[in-house]
Amino acid sequence: MNLGKTLFTQLMEFVPWISFARIVDHYGGDFRVRSLSCPEQFRAMALAQLTYRESLRDIETCLLANQTKLYSMGFNSPIRRSTLADANEGRDWRI
């Protein structure tokens, strides 16, 4: 059994999170957000790109398949399709 970090977690260590937080503050990405923060949305969309996911349903299925590893990958809770759709629609694309 592997007790180390997942490959996705290791890749996310290369993201400059301080700069990302500054950009989120500049564009107001987390203003009045309750469930899905900008870093979680970024992680979900990065996972979708890395695993060649084509739809929100496909992204949700992929995340639920790895439900035991979500916390170590940087997600606080399972992400639903509607929540991800609302975040993608409502947030500024420049973030």
Protein backbone atom coordinates (compact mmCIF):
# COMPACT_ATOMS: atom_id res chain seq x y z
CA MET A 1 0.00 0.00 0.00
CA ASN A 2 1.32 3.41 -0.97
CA LEU A 3 1.64 5.76 1.99
CA GLY A 4 3.18 8.65 0.06
CA LYS A 5 1.56 11.57 -1.71
CA THR A 6 -0.49 11.10 -4.84
CA LEU A 7 1.03 12.23 -8.12
CA PHE A 8 -1.62 14.94 -8.41
CA THR A 9 -0.69 16.31 -4.98
CA GLN A 10 2.96 16.38 -5.97
CA LEU A 11 2.11 18.29 -9.15
CA MET A 12 0.01 20.83 -7.23
CA GLU A 13 3.03 21.66 -5.06
CA PHE A 14 4.51 23.45 -8.07
CA VAL A 15 1.61 25.92 -8.29
CA PRO A 16 2.56 29.31 -6.78
CA TRP A 17 -0.36 29.43 -4.33
CA ILE A 18 0.59 32.86 -2.92
CA SER A 19 0.39 34.41 -6.38
CA PHE A 20 -2.83 32.50 -7.03
CA ALA A 21 -4.36 33.88 -3.82
CA ARG A 22 -3.35 37.40 -4.85
CA ILE A 23 -5.06 36.96 -8.23
CA VAL A 24 -8.20 35.57 -6.56
CA ASP A 25 -8.32 38.60 -4.24
CA HIS A 26 -7.78 40.98 -7.15
CA TYR A 27 -10.73 39.59 -9.14
CA GLY A 28 -12.92 38.83 -6.11
CA GLY A 29 -13.15 35.13 -6.85
CA ASP A 30 -14.05 34.00 -3.33
CA PHE A 31 -16.46 36.87 -2.61
CA ARG A 32 -19.70 35.48 -1.16
CA VAL A 33 -18.75 31.86 -1.87
CA ARG A 34 -19.90 29.17 0.53
CA SER A 35 -19.01 25.81 -0.89
CA LEU A 36 -16.32 25.70 -3.59
CA SER A 37 -13.30 27.95 -3.17
CA CYS A 38 -11.15 29.07 -6.09
CA PRO A 39 -8.24 26.76 -5.19
CA GLU A 40 -10.60 23.77 -5.09
CA GLN A 41 -12.09 24.76 -8.43
CA PHE A 42 -8.59 25.11 -9.89
CA ARG A 43 -7.64 21.68 -8.56
CA ALA A 44 -10.78 20.12 -10.03
CA MET A 45 -10.20 21.69 -13.43
CA ALA A 46 -6.49 20.78 -13.37
CA LEU A 47 -7.40 17.17 -12.58
CA ALA A 48 -9.86 17.25 -15.46
CA GLN A 49 -7.16 18.47 -17.85
CA LEU A 50 -4.61 15.93 -16.65
CA THR A 51 -7.02 13.00 -16.92
CA TYR A 52 -8.62 14.11 -20.22
CA ARG A 53 -12.13 14.58 -18.82
CA GLU A 54 -14.64 15.96 -21.31
CA SER A 55 -17.71 16.90 -19.27
CA LEU A 56 -18.75 17.98 -15.81
CA ARG A 57 -20.36 14.58 -15.25
CA ASP A 58 -17.08 12.93 -16.20
CA ILE A 59 -15.17 15.18 -13.77
CA GLU A 60 -17.61 14.38 -10.97
CA THR A 61 -17.32 10.64 -11.64
CA CYS A 62 -13.53 10.82 -11.61
CA LEU A 63 -13.51 12.70 -8.30
CA LEU A 64 -16.01 10.31 -6.70
CA ALA A 65 -13.92 7.34 -7.83
CA ASN A 66 -11.04 8.75 -5.76
CA GLN A 67 -13.23 9.77 -2.82
CA THR A 68 -10.91 8.34 -0.17
CA LYS A 69 -8.02 10.43 -1.51
CA LEU A 70 -9.86 13.74 -2.00
CA TYR A 71 -8.69 15.31 1.24
CA SER A 72 -5.04 14.54 0.53
CA MET A 73 -5.51 15.97 -2.98
CA GLY A 74 -6.64 19.30 -1.50
CA PHE A 75 -10.44 19.01 -1.58
CA ASN A 76 -12.47 19.60 1.57
CA SER A 77 -15.50 17.62 0.42
CA PRO A 78 -16.75 15.81 -2.69
CA ILE A 79 -17.52 18.21 -5.52
CA ARG A 80 -20.88 17.95 -7.24
CA ARG A 81 -21.52 18.68 -10.89
CA SER A 82 -23.94 21.55 -10.20
CA THR A 83 -21.52 23.23 -7.79
CA LEU A 84 -18.70 23.06 -10.32
CA ALA A 85 -20.99 24.35 -13.08
CA ASP A 86 -22.05 27.32 -10.93
CA ALA A 87 -18.43 28.10 -10.08
CA ASN A 88 -17.34 27.91 -13.72
CA GLU A 89 -20.21 30.14 -14.82
CA GLY A 90 -20.02 32.74 -12.07
CA ARG A 91 -16.31 33.33 -11.61
CA ASP A 92 -14.11 35.56 -13.71
CA TRP A 93 -12.31 33.55 -16.39
CA ARG A 94 -9.04 35.42 -15.77
CA ILE A 95 -8.57 33.67 -12.42
